[in-house]
Amino acid sequence: MSNDSFDLKRVKQLVELMKANDLTDIEIKQGESQITLRRGAQPTIVSSVPMTVPVQTAPVSPPPTATPAAPAVPEEPANTTVIKSPMVGTFYAASSPDAPPFAKVGDTVTPEKTVCLIEAMKVYNEIQAECSGKIVDVLVKNGETVEFGKPLFRVAVG
């Protein structure tokens, strides 16, 4: 490994530095290598070489005989909205197994209210409601793997 690359120990040190100083972004360039770390609602990106990310195209409608995917909120009532996962990772309803959930059915949330954690690449990202209302449904289970855009909560608004 050359001096221009970043090792896992260095990345862990940077993550600890971010936590200790409540930083949300760090970008470091060293020779040809670059590392960018982000905390919060944005996904964490670690890169030492330029990356190519596949672009998703508009989904193709399934044939009429196809069975619907998981509970994908088919007909959303006019007075509700859905909080969706902003990243791929593991959904956690609480900060620890013995802690109460951040949000449960019947709770009132505000845009700044943390409703869950999504762990991605050993970084726990607090997910905020980004809307006001009352939680009417939790659509995923604790410890479940979620994809980008997966519905997490249904919220009655207004």
C-alpha atoms as a PDB file:
ATOM      1  CA  MET A   1       0.000   0.000   0.000  1.00  0.00           C
ATOM      2  CA  SER A   2       1.513   3.367  -0.997  1.00  0.00           C
ATOM      3  CA  ASN A   3       1.691   6.471   1.143  1.00  0.00           C
ATOM      4  CA  ASP A   4      -0.990   8.066  -1.068  1.00  0.00           C
ATOM      5  CA  SER A   5      -3.784   5.709   0.021  1.00  0.00           C
ATOM      6  CA  PHE A   6      -5.951   5.747   3.141  1.00  0.00           C
ATOM      7  CA  ASP A   7      -6.201   2.759   5.440  1.00  0.00           C
ATOM      8  CA  LEU A   8      -9.149   1.706   7.576  1.00  0.00           C
ATOM      9  CA  LYS A   9      -7.405   2.845  10.778  1.00  0.00           C
ATOM     10  CA  ARG A  10      -7.054   6.357   9.326  1.00  0.00           C
ATOM     11  CA  VAL A  11     -10.733   6.422   8.293  1.00  0.00           C
ATOM     12  CA  LYS A  12     -11.805   5.333  11.796  1.00  0.00           C
ATOM     13  CA  GLN A  13      -9.652   8.099  13.306  1.00  0.00           C
ATOM     14  CA  LEU A  14     -11.336  10.638  11.031  1.00  0.00           C
ATOM     15  CA  VAL A  15     -14.802   9.385  12.012  1.00  0.00           C
ATOM     16  CA  GLU A  16     -13.898   9.702  15.704  1.00  0.00           C
ATOM     17  CA  LEU A  17     -12.584  13.226  15.035  1.00  0.00           C
ATOM     18  CA  MET A  18     -15.893  14.096  13.370  1.00  0.00           C
ATOM     19  CA  LYS A  19     -17.878  12.759  16.339  1.00  0.00           C
ATOM     20  CA  ALA A  20     -15.677  14.463  18.945  1.00  0.00           C
ATOM     21  CA  ASN A  21     -15.933  17.853  17.219  1.00  0.00           C
ATOM     22  CA  ASP A  22     -19.531  17.499  15.973  1.00  0.00           C
ATOM     23  CA  LEU A  23     -18.424  17.869  12.340  1.00  0.00           C
ATOM     24  CA  THR A  24     -20.726  16.936   9.472  1.00  0.00           C
ATOM     25  CA  ASP A  25     -18.198  16.933   6.596  1.00  0.00           C
ATOM     26  CA  ILE A  26     -14.489  16.193   6.174  1.00  0.00           C
ATOM     27  CA  GLU A  27     -12.674  16.175   2.829  1.00  0.00           C
ATOM     28  CA  ILE A  28      -8.974  15.324   2.590  1.00  0.00           C
ATOM     29  CA  LYS A  29      -6.787  15.047  -0.502  1.00  0.00           C
ATOM     30  CA  GLN A  30      -3.429  13.324  -0.359  1.00  0.00           C
ATOM     31  CA  GLY A  31      -1.637  12.912  -3.671  1.00  0.00           C
ATOM     32  CA  GLU A  32      -3.987  11.104  -6.068  1.00  0.00           C
ATOM     33  CA  SER A  33      -6.203   9.878  -3.213  1.00  0.00           C
ATOM     34  CA  GLN A  34      -9.180  11.694  -1.787  1.00  0.00           C
ATOM     35  CA  ILE A  35     -11.527  10.878   1.086  1.00  0.00           C
ATOM     36  CA  THR A  36     -14.843  12.582   1.835  1.00  0.00           C
ATOM     37  CA  LEU A  37     -16.845  11.723   4.952  1.00  0.00           C
ATOM     38  CA  ARG A  38     -20.335  13.068   5.699  1.00  0.00           C
ATOM     39  CA  ARG A  39     -22.530  12.551   8.765  1.00  0.00           C
ATOM     40  CA  GLY A  40     -26.254  13.142   9.209  1.00  0.00           C
ATOM     41  CA  ALA A  41     -29.067  12.688   6.726  1.00  0.00           C
ATOM     42  CA  GLN A  42     -26.634  12.406   3.801  1.00  0.00           C
ATOM     43  CA  PRO A  43     -25.000   9.049   3.060  1.00  0.00           C
ATOM     44  CA  THR A  44     -21.391   8.553   4.103  1.00  0.00           C
ATOM     45  CA  ILE A  45     -19.060   8.395   1.121  1.00  0.00           C
ATOM     46  CA  VAL A  46     -15.539   7.009   1.356  1.00  0.00           C
ATOM     47  CA  SER A  47     -13.567   7.141  -1.879  1.00  0.00           C
ATOM     48  CA  SER A  48      -9.912   6.916  -2.800  1.00  0.00           C
ATOM     49  CA  VAL A  49     -10.505   6.737  -6.547  1.00  0.00           C
ATOM     50  CA  PRO A  50     -13.125   8.385  -8.738  1.00  0.00           C
ATOM     51  CA  MET A  51     -16.375   6.445  -8.507  1.00  0.00           C
ATOM     52  CA  THR A  52     -19.050   5.834 -11.093  1.00  0.00           C
ATOM     53  CA  VAL A  53     -22.511   5.515  -9.614  1.00  0.00           C
ATOM     54  CA  PRO A  54     -25.176   3.803 -11.709  1.00  0.00           C
ATOM     55  CA  VAL A  55     -28.057   6.108 -12.545  1.00  0.00           C
ATOM     56  CA  GLN A  56     -31.503   4.729 -11.887  1.00  0.00           C
ATOM     57  CA  THR A  57     -33.988   5.236 -14.657  1.00  0.00           C
ATOM     58  CA  ALA A  58     -37.704   5.549 -14.193  1.00  0.00           C
ATOM     59  CA  PRO A  59     -39.180   2.266 -12.957  1.00  0.00           C
ATOM     60  CA  VAL A  60     -40.885   0.092 -15.531  1.00  0.00           C
ATOM     61  CA  SER A  61     -44.453  -0.896 -14.704  1.00  0.00           C
ATOM     62  CA  PRO A  62     -44.716  -4.584 -13.783  1.00  0.00           C
ATOM     63  CA  PRO A  63     -46.920  -6.818 -15.904  1.00  0.00           C
ATOM     64  CA  PRO A  64     -50.543  -6.934 -14.695  1.00  0.00           C
ATOM     65  CA  THR A  65     -50.076 -10.456 -13.313  1.00  0.00           C
ATOM     66  CA  ALA A  66     -47.060  -9.533 -11.129  1.00  0.00           C
ATOM     67  CA  THR A  67     -47.581  -9.569  -7.388  1.00  0.00           C
ATOM     68  CA  PRO A  68     -47.041  -6.205  -5.674  1.00  0.00           C
ATOM     69  CA  ALA A  69     -43.773  -5.643  -3.820  1.00  0.00           C
ATOM     70  CA  ALA A  70     -43.660  -5.287  -0.021  1.00  0.00           C
ATOM     71  CA  PRO A  71     -46.065  -2.828   1.635  1.00  0.00           C
ATOM     72  CA  ALA A  72     -45.203   0.006  -0.763  1.00  0.00           C
ATOM     73  CA  VAL A  73     -47.955   2.418   0.316  1.00  0.00           C
ATOM     74  CA  PRO A  74     -50.151   1.922  -2.775  1.00  0.00           C
ATOM     75  CA  GLU A  75     -52.895   4.542  -2.356  1.00  0.00           C
ATOM     76  CA  GLU A  76     -51.733   7.203   0.054  1.00  0.00           C
ATOM     77  CA  PRO A  77     -54.605   9.091   1.742  1.00  0.00           C
ATOM     78  CA  ALA A  78     -54.563  12.814   0.988  1.00  0.00           C
ATOM     79  CA  ASN A  79     -53.792  13.796   4.587  1.00  0.00           C
ATOM     80  CA  THR A  80     -50.733  11.557   5.065  1.00  0.00           C
ATOM     81  CA  THR A  81     -47.119  11.629   3.966  1.00  0.00           C
ATOM     82  CA  VAL A  82     -44.374   9.024   4.066  1.00  0.00           C
ATOM     83  CA  ILE A  83     -40.919   9.377   5.622  1.00  0.00           C
ATOM     84  CA  LYS A  84     -38.562   7.507   3.288  1.00  0.00           C
ATOM     85  CA  SER A  85     -35.051   6.213   3.792  1.00  0.00           C
ATOM     86  CA  PRO A  86     -32.463   8.661   2.440  1.00  0.00           C
ATOM     87  CA  MET A  87     -29.872   5.864   2.105  1.00  0.00           C
ATOM     88  CA  VAL A  88     -29.171   2.149   2.059  1.00  0.00           C
ATOM     89  CA  GLY A  89     -28.466   0.656   5.479  1.00  0.00           C
ATOM     90  CA  THR A  90     -29.909  -1.028   8.553  1.00  0.00           C
ATOM     91  CA  PHE A  91     -32.956   0.544  10.250  1.00  0.00           C
ATOM     92  CA  TYR A  92     -32.873   0.965  14.029  1.00  0.00           C
ATOM     93  CA  ALA A  93     -35.928   2.262  15.862  1.00  0.00           C
ATOM     94  CA  ALA A  94     -33.945   3.148  19.021  1.00  0.00           C
ATOM     95  CA  SER A  95     -30.428   4.172  20.022  1.00  0.00           C
ATOM     96  CA  SER A  96     -29.870   0.846  21.827  1.00  0.00           C
ATOM     97  CA  PRO A  97     -31.796  -2.400  22.338  1.00  0.00           C
ATOM     98  CA  ASP A  98     -33.032  -1.330  25.790  1.00  0.00           C
ATOM     99  CA  ALA A  99     -33.858   2.306  24.834  1.00  0.00           C
ATOM    100  CA  PRO A 100     -37.385   3.378  23.859  1.00  0.00           C
ATOM    101  CA  PRO A 101     -38.009   3.898  20.123  1.00  0.00           C
ATOM    102  CA  PHE A 102     -37.396   7.378  18.716  1.00  0.00           C
ATOM    103  CA  ALA A 103     -40.910   7.384  17.209  1.00  0.00           C
ATOM    104  CA  LYS A 104     -43.870   5.036  17.529  1.00  0.00           C
ATOM    105  CA  VAL A 105     -47.485   4.987  16.366  1.00  0.00           C
ATOM    106  CA  GLY A 106     -49.349   7.872  17.989  1.00  0.00           C
ATOM    107  CA  ASP A 107     -46.286  10.096  18.513  1.00  0.00           C
ATOM    108  CA  THR A 108     -46.349  13.646  17.199  1.00  0.00           C
ATOM    109  CA  VAL A 109     -43.272  14.618  15.202  1.00  0.00           C
ATOM    110  CA  THR A 110     -41.766  17.883  13.973  1.00  0.00           C
ATOM    111  CA  PRO A 111     -39.348  18.301  11.049  1.00  0.00           C
ATOM    112  CA  GLU A 112     -36.312  18.274  13.397  1.00  0.00           C
ATOM    113  CA  LYS A 113     -37.448  15.197  15.370  1.00  0.00           C
ATOM    114  CA  THR A 114     -35.174  12.159  15.006  1.00  0.00           C
ATOM    115  CA  VAL A 115     -37.402   9.202  14.103  1.00  0.00           C
ATOM    116  CA  CYS A 116     -34.781   6.450  13.668  1.00  0.00           C
ATOM    117  CA  LEU A 117     -31.161   5.584  12.958  1.00  0.00           C
ATOM    118  CA  ILE A 118     -29.846   4.059   9.758  1.00  0.00           C
ATOM    119  CA  GLU A 119     -26.465   2.403  10.061  1.00  0.00           C
ATOM    120  CA  ALA A 120     -24.390   2.546   6.898  1.00  0.00           C
ATOM    121  CA  MET A 121     -20.723   1.529   6.823  1.00  0.00           C
ATOM    122  CA  LYS A 122     -20.523   1.479  10.637  1.00  0.00           C
ATOM    123  CA  VAL A 123     -21.814   5.083  10.851  1.00  0.00           C
ATOM    124  CA  TYR A 124     -25.156   5.663  12.580  1.00  0.00           C
ATOM    125  CA  ASN A 125     -27.116   8.372  10.780  1.00  0.00           C
ATOM    126  CA  GLU A 126     -29.972  10.128  12.588  1.00  0.00           C
ATOM    127  CA  ILE A 127     -32.995  10.376  10.305  1.00  0.00           C
ATOM    128  CA  GLN A 128     -35.276  13.333  10.938  1.00  0.00           C
ATOM    129  CA  ALA A 129     -38.998  13.446  10.199  1.00  0.00           C
ATOM    130  CA  GLU A 130     -38.720  16.479   7.887  1.00  0.00           C
ATOM    131  CA  CYS A 131     -42.495  16.926   8.323  1.00  0.00           C
ATOM    132  CA  SER A 132     -44.980  17.643  11.115  1.00  0.00           C
ATOM    133  CA  GLY A 133     -47.783  15.326  12.121  1.00  0.00           C
ATOM    134  CA  LYS A 134     -48.688  12.140  13.947  1.00  0.00           C
ATOM    135  CA  ILE A 135     -47.076   8.758  13.247  1.00  0.00           C
ATOM    136  CA  VAL A 136     -49.861   6.429  12.056  1.00  0.00           C
ATOM    137  CA  ASP A 137     -47.732   3.483  10.902  1.00  0.00           C
ATOM    138  CA  VAL A 138     -44.178   2.160  11.239  1.00  0.00           C
ATOM    139  CA  LEU A 139     -43.506   0.389   7.938  1.00  0.00           C
ATOM    140  CA  VAL A 140     -40.236  -1.431   8.763  1.00  0.00           C
ATOM    141  CA  LYS A 141     -38.969  -3.663  11.558  1.00  0.00           C
ATOM    142  CA  ASN A 142     -36.026  -2.955  13.828  1.00  0.00           C
ATOM    143  CA  GLY A 143     -32.820  -4.358  12.316  1.00  0.00           C
ATOM    144  CA  GLU A 144     -34.314  -4.569   8.808  1.00  0.00           C
ATOM    145  CA  THR A 145     -32.149  -3.635   5.828  1.00  0.00           C
ATOM    146  CA  VAL A 146     -33.615  -0.693   3.924  1.00  0.00           C
ATOM    147  CA  GLU A 147     -32.948   0.646   0.441  1.00  0.00           C
ATOM    148  CA  PHE A 148     -32.828   4.258  -0.697  1.00  0.00           C
ATOM    149  CA  GLY A 149     -36.413   5.578  -0.912  1.00  0.00           C
ATOM    150  CA  LYS A 150     -37.975   2.736   1.122  1.00  0.00           C
ATOM    151  CA  PRO A 151     -40.971   4.005   3.149  1.00  0.00           C
ATOM    152  CA  LEU A 152     -40.188   3.962   6.872  1.00  0.00           C
ATOM    153  CA  PHE A 153     -43.113   5.775   8.534  1.00  0.00           C
ATOM    154  CA  ARG A 154     -46.572   7.012   7.526  1.00  0.00           C
ATOM    155  CA  VAL A 155     -47.444  10.383   9.089  1.00  0.00           C
ATOM    156  CA  ALA A 156     -50.872  12.034   9.285  1.00  0.00           C
ATOM    157  CA  VAL A 157     -50.349  15.718   8.503  1.00  0.00           C
ATOM    158  CA  GLY A 158     -52.390  18.809   8.836  1.00  0.00           C
END
